[in-house]
Amino acid sequence: MDIFDKLFAAKNPQPSGPVEFIVAGLGNPGKEYESTRHNAGFLAVDRIAAALGIRVDRLKFKSLCGEAVIEGRRVLFLKPATFMNLSGQAVTEAMSFYKIPAERVLILYDDISLDPGRLRIRRRGSDGGHNGMKNIIYLAGEDSFPRVKIGVGAKPHPDYNLADWVTSRFSDGERKALDGALEHTIDIVKLVVGGKIDEAMNRYNS
């Protein structure tokens, strides 16, 4: 262990007690997908982890994982490494291991119906056509997952291929708007984990 790791460990001791909450950001692994629209969930988890001073880099549950204590609760952060369409494999494996109900699993993911910079928090609901959420709901057998939809912008015209759009990168202006929204995800996670999802919705569902 080098000096940086020792300082990091001293400043960020391993949380103790049972995991009580899961926060999963959805995306695709691999450098070719970094910072693309479909990886907004990964970007959110990275931003939250940086604010909390934790790492999300431990391999478990087919994911990169990290832990923190938020509002007195031990929280597991996940970035599934299964590719988007199989996100449920990672999320439900972690849920089963820790016996966490869907109501205590917050999912963060991209939404093409919202402009960059916009957020929409929901207590539960359908997959809305998002393949990552579709797989999570299918494997869990329920849709009562709280979620944060992160706006990434609509296709420039109806004939534009959806897969090409969601794996494209943001313009400078879009990325600036997205960065502002990602800053809010830190507060949203704290509110949701603390049982204040109504307050989060009132504050950030603009």
N, C-alpha and C. Protein backbone atom coordinates (compact mmCIF):
# COMPACT_ATOMS: atom_id res chain seq x y z
N MET A 1 0.85 -1.19 0.00
CA MET A 1 0.00 0.00 0.00
C MET A 1 0.88 1.25 0.00
N ASP A 2 0.72 2.13 -1.02
CA ASP A 2 1.54 3.33 -1.08
C ASP A 2 0.97 4.41 -0.16
N ILE A 3 1.68 5.55 -0.09
CA ILE A 3 1.30 6.60 0.84
C ILE A 3 -0.08 7.16 0.52
N PHE A 4 -0.42 7.25 -0.79
CA PHE A 4 -1.75 7.75 -1.16
C PHE A 4 -2.83 6.81 -0.64
N ASP A 5 -2.63 5.51 -0.83
CA ASP A 5 -3.63 4.54 -0.38
C ASP A 5 -3.80 4.59 1.14
N LYS A 6 -2.69 4.77 1.86
CA LYS A 6 -2.77 4.84 3.32
C LYS A 6 -3.55 6.08 3.76
N LEU A 7 -3.28 7.21 3.11
CA LEU A 7 -4.01 8.44 3.45
C LEU A 7 -5.49 8.30 3.10
N PHE A 8 -5.77 7.68 1.95
CA PHE A 8 -7.15 7.49 1.52
C PHE A 8 -7.90 6.60 2.51
N ALA A 9 -7.26 5.52 2.92
CA ALA A 9 -7.90 4.59 3.85
C ALA A 9 -8.16 5.24 5.20
N ALA A 10 -7.23 6.08 5.64
CA ALA A 10 -7.40 6.76 6.93
C ALA A 10 -8.54 7.77 6.87
N LYS A 11 -8.68 8.43 5.75
CA LYS A 11 -9.72 9.47 5.59
C LYS A 11 -11.08 8.86 5.30
N ASN A 12 -11.10 7.67 4.69
CA ASN A 12 -12.33 7.03 4.28
C ASN A 12 -12.38 5.60 4.81
N PRO A 13 -12.62 5.43 6.12
CA PRO A 13 -12.65 4.08 6.69
C PRO A 13 -13.78 3.26 6.09
N GLN A 14 -13.57 1.94 6.04
CA GLN A 14 -14.57 1.04 5.46
C GLN A 14 -15.85 1.09 6.29
N PRO A 15 -17.00 1.34 5.64
CA PRO A 15 -18.26 1.36 6.38
C PRO A 15 -18.52 0.02 7.05
N SER A 16 -19.11 0.04 8.24
CA SER A 16 -19.43 -1.19 8.95
C SER A 16 -20.94 -1.36 9.03
N GLY A 17 -21.37 -2.56 9.44
CA GLY A 17 -22.79 -2.84 9.50
C GLY A 17 -23.32 -3.29 8.16
N PRO A 18 -24.58 -3.71 8.13
CA PRO A 18 -25.15 -4.24 6.88
C PRO A 18 -25.41 -3.15 5.85
N VAL A 19 -25.30 -3.51 4.58
CA VAL A 19 -25.70 -2.60 3.50
C VAL A 19 -27.22 -2.42 3.58
N GLU A 20 -27.67 -1.17 3.59
CA GLU A 20 -29.09 -0.88 3.71
C GLU A 20 -29.68 -0.27 2.45
N PHE A 21 -28.83 0.17 1.54
CA PHE A 21 -29.32 0.88 0.35
C PHE A 21 -28.35 0.63 -0.80
N ILE A 22 -28.88 0.57 -2.00
CA ILE A 22 -28.05 0.42 -3.21
C ILE A 22 -28.32 1.61 -4.13
N VAL A 23 -27.26 2.19 -4.67
CA VAL A 23 -27.38 3.23 -5.69
C VAL A 23 -26.66 2.71 -6.93
N ALA A 24 -27.38 2.52 -8.02
CA ALA A 24 -26.80 1.97 -9.24
C ALA A 24 -26.90 2.98 -10.37
N GLY A 25 -25.76 3.31 -10.97
CA GLY A 25 -25.73 4.16 -12.15
C GLY A 25 -25.53 3.28 -13.37
N LEU A 26 -26.35 3.45 -14.41
CA LEU A 26 -26.30 2.57 -15.56
C LEU A 26 -25.43 3.13 -16.69
N GLY A 27 -24.83 2.23 -17.45
CA GLY A 27 -23.98 2.62 -18.57
C GLY A 27 -23.37 1.40 -19.22
N ASN A 28 -22.47 1.64 -20.14
CA ASN A 28 -21.74 0.57 -20.81
C ASN A 28 -20.26 0.66 -20.45
N PRO A 29 -19.63 -0.48 -20.14
CA PRO A 29 -18.19 -0.46 -19.84
C PRO A 29 -17.36 -0.29 -21.10
N GLY A 30 -16.14 0.16 -20.94
CA GLY A 30 -15.23 0.29 -22.07
C GLY A 30 -14.97 1.74 -22.45
N LYS A 31 -13.73 1.99 -22.88
CA LYS A 31 -13.32 3.36 -23.19
C LYS A 31 -14.12 3.97 -24.33
N GLU A 32 -14.59 3.13 -25.27
CA GLU A 32 -15.32 3.67 -26.41
C GLU A 32 -16.66 4.27 -26.01
N TYR A 33 -17.14 3.91 -24.79
CA TYR A 33 -18.42 4.43 -24.32
C TYR A 33 -18.28 5.52 -23.26
N GLU A 34 -17.07 5.83 -22.86
CA GLU A 34 -16.87 6.84 -21.82
C GLU A 34 -17.45 8.18 -22.25
N SER A 35 -18.19 8.80 -21.33
CA SER A 35 -18.75 10.14 -21.54
C SER A 35 -19.78 10.22 -22.65
N THR A 36 -20.36 9.08 -23.05
CA THR A 36 -21.43 9.11 -24.03
C THR A 36 -22.77 9.32 -23.31
N ARG A 37 -23.80 9.61 -24.09
CA ARG A 37 -25.12 9.90 -23.50
C ARG A 37 -25.65 8.72 -22.68
N HIS A 38 -25.46 7.52 -23.19
CA HIS A 38 -25.98 6.34 -22.51
C HIS A 38 -25.27 6.08 -21.18
N ASN A 39 -24.14 6.74 -20.95
CA ASN A 39 -23.38 6.52 -19.72
C ASN A 39 -23.61 7.62 -18.69
N ALA A 40 -24.71 8.33 -18.80
CA ALA A 40 -25.01 9.39 -17.84
C ALA A 40 -25.09 8.85 -16.41
N GLY A 41 -25.58 7.62 -16.25
CA GLY A 41 -25.65 7.02 -14.92
C GLY A 41 -24.27 6.78 -14.33
N PHE A 42 -23.33 6.30 -15.17
CA PHE A 42 -21.95 6.14 -14.71
C PHE A 42 -21.36 7.49 -14.31
N LEU A 43 -21.61 8.51 -15.14
CA LEU A 43 -21.07 9.84 -14.85
C LEU A 43 -21.61 10.36 -13.52
N ALA A 44 -22.88 10.09 -13.24
CA ALA A 44 -23.47 10.53 -11.98
C ALA A 44 -22.80 9.85 -10.79
N VAL A 45 -22.61 8.53 -10.88
CA VAL A 45 -21.97 7.81 -9.78
C VAL A 45 -20.53 8.31 -9.58
N ASP A 46 -19.83 8.57 -10.67
CA ASP A 46 -18.47 9.09 -10.55
C ASP A 46 -18.46 10.44 -9.83
N ARG A 47 -19.43 11.30 -10.17
CA ARG A 47 -19.49 12.62 -9.54
C ARG A 47 -19.83 12.50 -8.05
N ILE A 48 -20.75 11.62 -7.71
CA ILE A 48 -21.13 11.41 -6.31
C ILE A 48 -19.96 10.83 -5.53
N ALA A 49 -19.28 9.85 -6.12
CA ALA A 49 -18.14 9.22 -5.45
C ALA A 49 -17.04 10.25 -5.17
N ALA A 50 -16.78 11.12 -6.13
CA ALA A 50 -15.75 12.15 -5.93
C ALA A 50 -16.14 13.08 -4.79
N ALA A 51 -17.42 13.44 -4.71
CA ALA A 51 -17.89 14.33 -3.65
C ALA A 51 -17.80 13.67 -2.28
N LEU A 52 -18.02 12.35 -2.24
CA LEU A 52 -17.98 11.62 -0.98
C LEU A 52 -16.58 11.16 -0.60
N GLY A 53 -15.65 11.28 -1.54
CA GLY A 53 -14.29 10.83 -1.27
C GLY A 53 -14.15 9.32 -1.24
N ILE A 54 -14.92 8.63 -2.08
CA ILE A 54 -14.83 7.17 -2.13
C ILE A 54 -14.43 6.72 -3.53
N ARG A 55 -14.07 5.45 -3.64
CA ARG A 55 -13.76 4.85 -4.92
C ARG A 55 -14.83 3.83 -5.28
N VAL A 56 -15.17 3.78 -6.54
CA VAL A 56 -16.09 2.75 -7.03
C VAL A 56 -15.29 1.93 -8.03
N ASP A 57 -14.49 1.02 -7.50
CA ASP A 57 -13.53 0.30 -8.35
C ASP A 57 -13.32 -1.16 -7.93
N ARG A 58 -14.12 -1.63 -6.99
CA ARG A 58 -13.99 -3.02 -6.53
C ARG A 58 -14.92 -3.90 -7.35
N LEU A 59 -14.39 -5.01 -7.88
CA LEU A 59 -15.18 -5.90 -8.72
C LEU A 59 -16.01 -6.87 -7.88
N LYS A 60 -17.32 -6.75 -8.01
CA LYS A 60 -18.25 -7.65 -7.32
C LYS A 60 -19.63 -7.46 -7.95
N PHE A 61 -20.44 -8.48 -7.92
CA PHE A 61 -21.81 -8.42 -8.47
C PHE A 61 -21.81 -7.98 -9.94
N LYS A 62 -20.84 -8.47 -10.71
CA LYS A 62 -20.73 -8.11 -12.13
C LYS A 62 -20.68 -6.57 -12.28
N SER A 63 -20.04 -5.92 -11.35
CA SER A 63 -20.03 -4.44 -11.31
C SER A 63 -18.73 -3.93 -10.74
N LEU A 64 -18.52 -2.63 -10.93
CA LEU A 64 -17.56 -1.90 -10.11
C LEU A 64 -18.34 -1.36 -8.93
N CYS A 65 -17.81 -1.58 -7.73
CA CYS A 65 -18.54 -1.25 -6.50
C CYS A 65 -17.75 -0.33 -5.60
N GLY A 66 -18.45 0.37 -4.74
CA GLY A 66 -17.86 1.17 -3.69
C GLY A 66 -18.90 1.37 -2.61
N GLU A 67 -18.46 1.80 -1.43
CA GLU A 67 -19.39 1.97 -0.32
C GLU A 67 -19.15 3.28 0.40
N ALA A 68 -20.22 3.78 1.00
CA ALA A 68 -20.14 5.00 1.80
C ALA A 68 -21.25 4.96 2.84
N VAL A 69 -21.13 5.79 3.86
CA VAL A 69 -22.20 5.96 4.84
C VAL A 69 -22.89 7.29 4.52
N ILE A 70 -24.19 7.22 4.24
CA ILE A 70 -24.98 8.39 3.90
C ILE A 70 -26.20 8.43 4.81
N GLU A 71 -26.39 9.54 5.48
CA GLU A 71 -27.52 9.68 6.40
C GLU A 71 -27.57 8.52 7.39
N GLY A 72 -26.38 8.09 7.84
CA GLY A 72 -26.28 7.02 8.82
C GLY A 72 -26.51 5.62 8.28
N ARG A 73 -26.64 5.47 6.95
CA ARG A 73 -26.90 4.17 6.36
C ARG A 73 -25.74 3.77 5.46
N ARG A 74 -25.39 2.50 5.52
CA ARG A 74 -24.34 1.98 4.65
C ARG A 74 -24.91 1.78 3.25
N VAL A 75 -24.30 2.43 2.27
CA VAL A 75 -24.81 2.45 0.90
C VAL A 75 -23.80 1.81 -0.04
N LEU A 76 -24.28 0.91 -0.88
CA LEU A 76 -23.46 0.27 -1.91
C LEU A 76 -23.70 0.98 -3.23
N PHE A 77 -22.63 1.44 -3.87
CA PHE A 77 -22.71 2.04 -5.20
C PHE A 77 -22.30 1.01 -6.25
N LEU A 78 -23.06 0.96 -7.35
CA LEU A 78 -22.78 0.01 -8.41
C LEU A 78 -22.66 0.70 -9.75
N LYS A 79 -21.71 0.25 -10.56
CA LYS A 79 -21.63 0.57 -11.98
C LYS A 79 -21.57 -0.77 -12.72
N PRO A 80 -22.74 -1.30 -13.13
CA PRO A 80 -22.76 -2.63 -13.75
C PRO A 80 -21.82 -2.72 -14.95
N ALA A 81 -21.11 -3.85 -15.02
CA ALA A 81 -20.17 -4.09 -16.12
C ALA A 81 -20.75 -5.07 -17.13
N THR A 82 -22.06 -5.23 -17.12
CA THR A 82 -22.74 -6.24 -17.94
C THR A 82 -23.17 -5.72 -19.30
N PHE A 83 -22.93 -4.45 -19.60
CA PHE A 83 -23.52 -3.71 -20.70
C PHE A 83 -24.98 -3.41 -20.37
N MET A 84 -25.45 -2.31 -20.93
CA MET A 84 -26.72 -1.72 -20.52
C MET A 84 -27.88 -2.71 -20.53
N ASN A 85 -28.01 -3.48 -21.61
CA ASN A 85 -29.19 -4.33 -21.77
C ASN A 85 -29.28 -5.46 -20.75
N LEU A 86 -28.20 -5.71 -20.01
CA LEU A 86 -28.19 -6.77 -19.00
C LEU A 86 -27.94 -6.20 -17.60
N SER A 87 -28.26 -4.94 -17.40
CA SER A 87 -28.02 -4.27 -16.11
C SER A 87 -28.67 -5.01 -14.95
N GLY A 88 -29.81 -5.63 -15.20
CA GLY A 88 -30.53 -6.31 -14.14
C GLY A 88 -29.76 -7.46 -13.52
N GLN A 89 -28.86 -8.07 -14.28
CA GLN A 89 -28.07 -9.17 -13.72
C GLN A 89 -27.24 -8.69 -12.53
N ALA A 90 -26.62 -7.53 -12.69
CA ALA A 90 -25.79 -6.97 -11.62
C ALA A 90 -26.64 -6.47 -10.46
N VAL A 91 -27.66 -5.69 -10.79
CA VAL A 91 -28.48 -5.07 -9.74
C VAL A 91 -29.20 -6.12 -8.90
N THR A 92 -29.83 -7.10 -9.53
CA THR A 92 -30.57 -8.09 -8.76
C THR A 92 -29.65 -9.04 -7.98
N GLU A 93 -28.44 -9.25 -8.48
CA GLU A 93 -27.48 -10.08 -7.73
C GLU A 93 -27.11 -9.40 -6.43
N ALA A 94 -26.85 -8.09 -6.47
CA ALA A 94 -26.53 -7.35 -5.25
C ALA A 94 -27.74 -7.28 -4.32
N MET A 95 -28.92 -7.06 -4.90
CA MET A 95 -30.14 -7.03 -4.08
C MET A 95 -30.33 -8.35 -3.33
N SER A 96 -30.15 -9.46 -4.04
CA SER A 96 -30.34 -10.77 -3.43
C SER A 96 -29.32 -11.04 -2.33
N PHE A 97 -28.07 -10.65 -2.59
CA PHE A 97 -27.01 -10.92 -1.61
C PHE A 97 -27.27 -10.18 -0.30
N TYR A 98 -27.69 -8.92 -0.40
CA TYR A 98 -27.90 -8.11 0.81
C TYR A 98 -29.36 -8.06 1.26
N LYS A 99 -30.24 -8.74 0.53
CA LYS A 99 -31.66 -8.78 0.85
C LYS A 99 -32.25 -7.36 0.91
N ILE A 100 -31.98 -6.61 -0.16
CA ILE A 100 -32.44 -5.22 -0.26
C ILE A 100 -33.68 -5.18 -1.15
N PRO A 101 -34.80 -4.63 -0.67
CA PRO A 101 -36.00 -4.52 -1.50
C PRO A 101 -35.84 -3.44 -2.56
N ALA A 102 -36.66 -3.52 -3.60
CA ALA A 102 -36.57 -2.56 -4.70
C ALA A 102 -36.75 -1.12 -4.23
N GLU A 103 -37.52 -0.92 -3.20
CA GLU A 103 -37.77 0.44 -2.70
C GLU A 103 -36.52 1.10 -2.16
N ARG A 104 -35.48 0.30 -1.89
CA ARG A 104 -34.22 0.85 -1.39
C ARG A 104 -33.08 0.65 -2.40
N VAL A 105 -33.46 0.67 -3.69
CA VAL A 105 -32.47 0.59 -4.77
C VAL A 105 -32.74 1.77 -5.70
N LEU A 106 -31.85 2.76 -5.67
CA LEU A 106 -32.01 3.95 -6.50
C LEU A 106 -31.23 3.76 -7.80
N ILE A 107 -31.92 3.93 -8.92
CA ILE A 107 -31.30 3.76 -10.24
C ILE A 107 -31.13 5.12 -10.90
N LEU A 108 -29.93 5.40 -11.41
CA LEU A 108 -29.65 6.63 -12.13
C LEU A 108 -29.33 6.28 -13.58
N TYR A 109 -30.04 6.92 -14.53
CA TYR A 109 -29.83 6.56 -15.93
C TYR A 109 -30.26 7.68 -16.86
N ASP A 110 -29.86 7.55 -18.12
CA ASP A 110 -30.10 8.57 -19.14
C ASP A 110 -31.53 8.55 -19.63
N ASP A 111 -32.01 9.73 -20.06
CA ASP A 111 -33.36 9.85 -20.61
C ASP A 111 -33.33 10.80 -21.80
N ILE A 112 -33.69 10.27 -22.98
CA ILE A 112 -33.64 11.10 -24.19
C ILE A 112 -34.85 12.02 -24.33
N SER A 113 -35.83 11.86 -23.44
CA SER A 113 -36.99 12.76 -23.50
C SER A 113 -36.75 14.05 -22.73
N LEU A 114 -35.62 14.14 -22.04
CA LEU A 114 -35.28 15.33 -21.26
C LEU A 114 -34.06 16.01 -21.85
N ASP A 115 -34.06 17.33 -21.86
CA ASP A 115 -32.90 18.08 -22.32
C ASP A 115 -31.73 17.91 -21.35
N PRO A 116 -30.50 18.00 -21.84
CA PRO A 116 -29.35 17.98 -20.93
C PRO A 116 -29.50 19.07 -19.87
N GLY A 117 -29.22 18.72 -18.64
CA GLY A 117 -29.39 19.66 -17.54
C GLY A 117 -30.68 19.46 -16.77
N ARG A 118 -31.61 18.68 -17.35
CA ARG A 118 -32.88 18.40 -16.68
C ARG A 118 -32.80 17.07 -15.95
N LEU A 119 -33.49 16.98 -14.82
CA LEU A 119 -33.57 15.75 -14.03
C LEU A 119 -35.04 15.45 -13.74
N ARG A 120 -35.36 14.18 -13.62
CA ARG A 120 -36.70 13.81 -13.21
C ARG A 120 -36.61 12.63 -12.26
N ILE A 121 -37.12 12.82 -11.08
CA ILE A 121 -37.09 11.79 -10.03
C ILE A 121 -38.45 11.13 -9.95
N ARG A 122 -38.49 9.82 -9.88
CA ARG A 122 -39.73 9.08 -9.75
C ARG A 122 -39.60 8.05 -8.64
N ARG A 123 -40.68 7.82 -7.95
CA ARG A 123 -40.69 6.82 -6.87
C ARG A 123 -40.73 5.40 -7.42
N ARG A 124 -41.37 5.20 -8.58
CA ARG A 124 -41.51 3.91 -9.22
C ARG A 124 -42.03 4.15 -10.63
N GLY A 125 -42.23 3.08 -11.41
CA GLY A 125 -42.81 3.27 -12.73
C GLY A 125 -42.32 2.25 -13.73
N SER A 126 -42.81 2.37 -14.96
CA SER A 126 -42.43 1.47 -16.03
C SER A 126 -41.01 1.77 -16.50
N ASP A 127 -40.52 0.97 -17.44
CA ASP A 127 -39.16 1.18 -17.94
C ASP A 127 -39.08 2.36 -18.90
N GLY A 128 -40.21 2.83 -19.43
CA GLY A 128 -40.21 3.98 -20.33
C GLY A 128 -39.43 3.75 -21.61
N GLY A 129 -39.23 2.48 -21.98
CA GLY A 129 -38.48 2.18 -23.20
C GLY A 129 -36.98 2.13 -23.01
N HIS A 130 -36.50 2.29 -21.77
CA HIS A 130 -35.06 2.24 -21.50
C HIS A 130 -34.65 0.79 -21.27
N ASN A 131 -33.72 0.29 -22.06
CA ASN A 131 -33.37 -1.13 -22.01
C ASN A 131 -32.73 -1.55 -20.69
N GLY A 132 -31.97 -0.68 -20.07
CA GLY A 132 -31.37 -1.02 -18.78
C GLY A 132 -32.44 -1.20 -17.71
N MET A 133 -33.37 -0.25 -17.62
CA MET A 133 -34.46 -0.36 -16.66
C MET A 133 -35.36 -1.55 -17.00
N LYS A 134 -35.55 -1.79 -18.28
CA LYS A 134 -36.40 -2.91 -18.71
C LYS A 134 -35.85 -4.22 -18.16
N ASN A 135 -34.54 -4.43 -18.24
CA ASN A 135 -33.93 -5.66 -17.76
C ASN A 135 -33.97 -5.76 -16.24
N ILE A 136 -33.77 -4.63 -15.56
CA ILE A 136 -33.84 -4.62 -14.09
C ILE A 136 -35.24 -5.00 -13.63
N ILE A 137 -36.26 -4.37 -14.21
CA ILE A 137 -37.64 -4.65 -13.83
C ILE A 137 -38.02 -6.09 -14.15
N TYR A 138 -37.58 -6.57 -15.32
CA TYR A 138 -37.89 -7.95 -15.73
C TYR A 138 -37.31 -8.97 -14.75
N LEU A 139 -36.03 -8.81 -14.40
CA LEU A 139 -35.39 -9.79 -13.53
C LEU A 139 -35.84 -9.67 -12.07
N ALA A 140 -36.17 -8.46 -11.66
CA ALA A 140 -36.64 -8.27 -10.28
C ALA A 140 -38.12 -8.64 -10.14
N GLY A 141 -38.85 -8.59 -11.24
CA GLY A 141 -40.27 -8.92 -11.20
C GLY A 141 -41.13 -7.85 -10.58
N GLU A 142 -40.62 -6.61 -10.53
CA GLU A 142 -41.38 -5.48 -10.00
C GLU A 142 -40.78 -4.18 -10.50
N ASP A 143 -41.57 -3.10 -10.38
CA ASP A 143 -41.10 -1.82 -10.91
C ASP A 143 -41.02 -0.72 -9.85
N SER A 144 -40.95 -1.13 -8.57
CA SER A 144 -40.99 -0.15 -7.48
C SER A 144 -39.60 0.39 -7.13
N PHE A 145 -38.77 0.58 -8.15
CA PHE A 145 -37.44 1.16 -7.95
C PHE A 145 -37.54 2.68 -8.02
N PRO A 146 -37.09 3.42 -7.01
CA PRO A 146 -36.94 4.86 -7.20
C PRO A 146 -35.87 5.10 -8.25
N ARG A 147 -36.04 6.16 -9.02
CA ARG A 147 -35.06 6.40 -10.08
C ARG A 147 -34.86 7.88 -10.32
N VAL A 148 -33.67 8.21 -10.86
CA VAL A 148 -33.35 9.56 -11.30
C VAL A 148 -33.05 9.48 -12.79
N LYS A 149 -33.90 10.12 -13.59
CA LYS A 149 -33.69 10.17 -15.03
C LYS A 149 -32.87 11.42 -15.33
N ILE A 150 -31.79 11.23 -16.07
CA ILE A 150 -30.86 12.31 -16.37
C ILE A 150 -30.99 12.68 -17.84
N GLY A 151 -31.39 13.90 -18.10
CA GLY A 151 -31.61 14.33 -19.48
C GLY A 151 -30.35 14.31 -20.32
N VAL A 152 -30.44 13.70 -21.51
CA VAL A 152 -29.29 13.67 -22.43
C VAL A 152 -29.65 14.21 -23.81
N GLY A 153 -30.92 14.64 -23.98
CA GLY A 153 -31.32 15.25 -25.24
C GLY A 153 -31.94 14.26 -26.21
N ALA A 154 -32.88 14.75 -27.00
CA ALA A 154 -33.58 13.92 -27.98
C ALA A 154 -32.78 13.81 -29.27
N LYS A 155 -33.11 12.79 -30.06
CA LYS A 155 -32.48 12.61 -31.37
C LYS A 155 -32.67 13.87 -32.22
N PRO A 156 -31.66 14.25 -33.02
CA PRO A 156 -31.77 15.47 -33.81
C PRO A 156 -32.88 15.42 -34.86
N HIS A 157 -33.22 14.22 -35.33
CA HIS A 157 -34.38 14.08 -36.23
C HIS A 157 -34.88 12.64 -36.12
N PRO A 158 -36.16 12.39 -36.43
CA PRO A 158 -36.77 11.06 -36.18
C PRO A 158 -36.05 9.90 -36.83
N ASP A 159 -35.41 10.12 -37.98
CA ASP A 159 -34.76 9.02 -38.69
C ASP A 159 -33.37 8.67 -38.15
N TYR A 160 -32.88 9.47 -37.20
CA TYR A 160 -31.55 9.23 -36.65
C TYR A 160 -31.58 7.92 -35.85
N ASN A 161 -30.61 7.06 -36.06
CA ASN A 161 -30.55 5.77 -35.37
C ASN A 161 -30.39 5.97 -33.87
N LEU A 162 -31.29 5.36 -33.09
CA LEU A 162 -31.28 5.57 -31.64
C LEU A 162 -29.99 5.08 -31.00
N ALA A 163 -29.51 3.90 -31.42
CA ALA A 163 -28.28 3.36 -30.83
C ALA A 163 -27.10 4.28 -31.09
N ASP A 164 -27.04 4.85 -32.30
CA ASP A 164 -25.97 5.79 -32.61
C ASP A 164 -26.08 7.05 -31.76
N TRP A 165 -27.32 7.48 -31.51
CA TRP A 165 -27.52 8.71 -30.73
C TRP A 165 -27.08 8.54 -29.28
N VAL A 166 -27.53 7.47 -28.64
CA VAL A 166 -27.22 7.32 -27.22
C VAL A 166 -25.75 6.99 -26.98
N THR A 167 -25.05 6.51 -28.00
CA THR A 167 -23.61 6.25 -27.83
C THR A 167 -22.77 7.40 -28.40
N SER A 168 -23.42 8.51 -28.73
CA SER A 168 -22.68 9.70 -29.17
C SER A 168 -22.30 10.55 -27.95
N ARG A 169 -21.39 11.48 -28.16
CA ARG A 169 -20.93 12.33 -27.07
C ARG A 169 -21.63 13.69 -27.09
N PHE A 170 -21.59 14.34 -25.96
CA PHE A 170 -22.25 15.63 -25.80
C PHE A 170 -21.47 16.75 -26.47
N SER A 171 -22.19 17.75 -26.95
CA SER A 171 -21.52 18.97 -27.39
C SER A 171 -21.01 19.70 -26.15
N ASP A 172 -20.18 20.71 -26.34
CA ASP A 172 -19.65 21.45 -25.20
C ASP A 172 -20.77 22.08 -24.38
N GLY A 173 -21.76 22.65 -25.07
CA GLY A 173 -22.87 23.27 -24.36
C GLY A 173 -23.71 22.26 -23.60
N GLU A 174 -23.95 21.11 -24.22
CA GLU A 174 -24.71 20.06 -23.56
C GLU A 174 -23.97 19.53 -22.33
N ARG A 175 -22.65 19.38 -22.48
CA ARG A 175 -21.88 18.84 -21.35
C ARG A 175 -21.87 19.82 -20.18
N LYS A 176 -21.84 21.10 -20.47
CA LYS A 176 -21.89 22.09 -19.40
C LYS A 176 -23.22 22.00 -18.66
N ALA A 177 -24.33 21.86 -19.40
CA ALA A 177 -25.64 21.72 -18.78
C ALA A 177 -25.73 20.42 -17.98
N LEU A 178 -25.18 19.34 -18.54
CA LEU A 178 -25.18 18.06 -17.84
C LEU A 178 -24.41 18.15 -16.54
N ASP A 179 -23.26 18.80 -16.57
CA ASP A 179 -22.43 18.92 -15.37
C ASP A 179 -23.21 19.59 -14.24
N GLY A 180 -24.00 20.61 -14.59
CA GLY A 180 -24.81 21.27 -13.57
C GLY A 180 -25.81 20.31 -12.95
N ALA A 181 -26.42 19.46 -13.78
CA ALA A 181 -27.39 18.49 -13.27
C ALA A 181 -26.70 17.43 -12.41
N LEU A 182 -25.52 16.99 -12.83
CA LEU A 182 -24.82 15.96 -12.07
C LEU A 182 -24.46 16.43 -10.67
N GLU A 183 -24.20 17.72 -10.51
CA GLU A 183 -23.91 18.26 -9.18
C GLU A 183 -25.10 18.05 -8.24
N HIS A 184 -26.32 18.11 -8.79
CA HIS A 184 -27.52 17.94 -7.96
C HIS A 184 -27.72 16.49 -7.53
N THR A 185 -27.15 15.53 -8.27
CA THR A 185 -27.38 14.13 -7.92
C THR A 185 -26.80 13.78 -6.55
N ILE A 186 -25.80 14.51 -6.11
CA ILE A 186 -25.23 14.26 -4.78
C ILE A 186 -26.27 14.52 -3.71
N ASP A 187 -26.94 15.67 -3.80
CA ASP A 187 -27.98 16.02 -2.83
C ASP A 187 -29.18 15.08 -2.96
N ILE A 188 -29.52 14.71 -4.20
CA ILE A 188 -30.66 13.82 -4.42
C ILE A 188 -30.43 12.48 -3.73
N VAL A 189 -29.25 11.91 -3.87
CA VAL A 189 -28.95 10.62 -3.23
C VAL A 189 -29.08 10.74 -1.72
N LYS A 190 -28.57 11.82 -1.15
CA LYS A 190 -28.67 12.00 0.30
C LYS A 190 -30.13 12.08 0.74
N LEU A 191 -30.95 12.79 -0.02
CA LEU A 191 -32.37 12.92 0.33
C LEU A 191 -33.09 11.58 0.19
N VAL A 192 -32.86 10.87 -0.90
CA VAL A 192 -33.56 9.61 -1.12
C VAL A 192 -33.15 8.57 -0.09
N VAL A 193 -31.86 8.45 0.17
CA VAL A 193 -31.38 7.50 1.18
C VAL A 193 -31.94 7.86 2.55
N GLY A 194 -32.10 9.15 2.80
CA GLY A 194 -32.64 9.60 4.08
C GLY A 194 -34.15 9.54 4.17
N GLY A 195 -34.81 8.97 3.17
CA GLY A 195 -36.26 8.82 3.20
C GLY A 195 -37.03 10.07 2.83
N LYS A 196 -36.38 10.98 2.08
CA LYS A 196 -37.02 12.25 1.73
C LYS A 196 -37.17 12.39 0.22
N ILE A 197 -37.70 11.34 -0.43
CA ILE A 197 -37.82 11.39 -1.88
C ILE A 197 -38.82 12.46 -2.32
N ASP A 198 -39.86 12.71 -1.54
CA ASP A 198 -40.81 13.77 -1.91
C ASP A 198 -40.12 15.13 -1.94
N GLU A 199 -39.25 15.37 -0.98
CA GLU A 199 -38.50 16.63 -0.97
C GLU A 199 -37.58 16.71 -2.18
N ALA A 200 -36.95 15.60 -2.52
CA ALA A 200 -36.08 15.57 -3.71
C ALA A 200 -36.87 15.88 -4.97
N MET A 201 -38.06 15.31 -5.10
CA MET A 201 -38.88 15.54 -6.28
C MET A 201 -39.34 17.00 -6.34
N ASN A 202 -39.74 17.52 -5.21
CA ASN A 202 -40.19 18.92 -5.18
C ASN A 202 -39.05 19.89 -5.53
N ARG A 203 -37.85 19.52 -5.14
CA ARG A 203 -36.71 20.42 -5.33
C ARG A 203 -36.13 20.33 -6.74
N TYR A 204 -36.11 19.13 -7.32
CA TYR A 204 -35.34 18.96 -8.56
C TYR A 204 -36.16 18.56 -9.78
N ASN A 205 -37.43 18.24 -9.65
CA ASN A 205 -38.24 17.94 -10.84
C ASN A 205 -38.72 19.24 -11.46
N SER A 206 -37.81 19.97 -12.08
CA SER A 206 -38.12 21.27 -12.65
C SER A 206 -38.89 21.11 -13.96
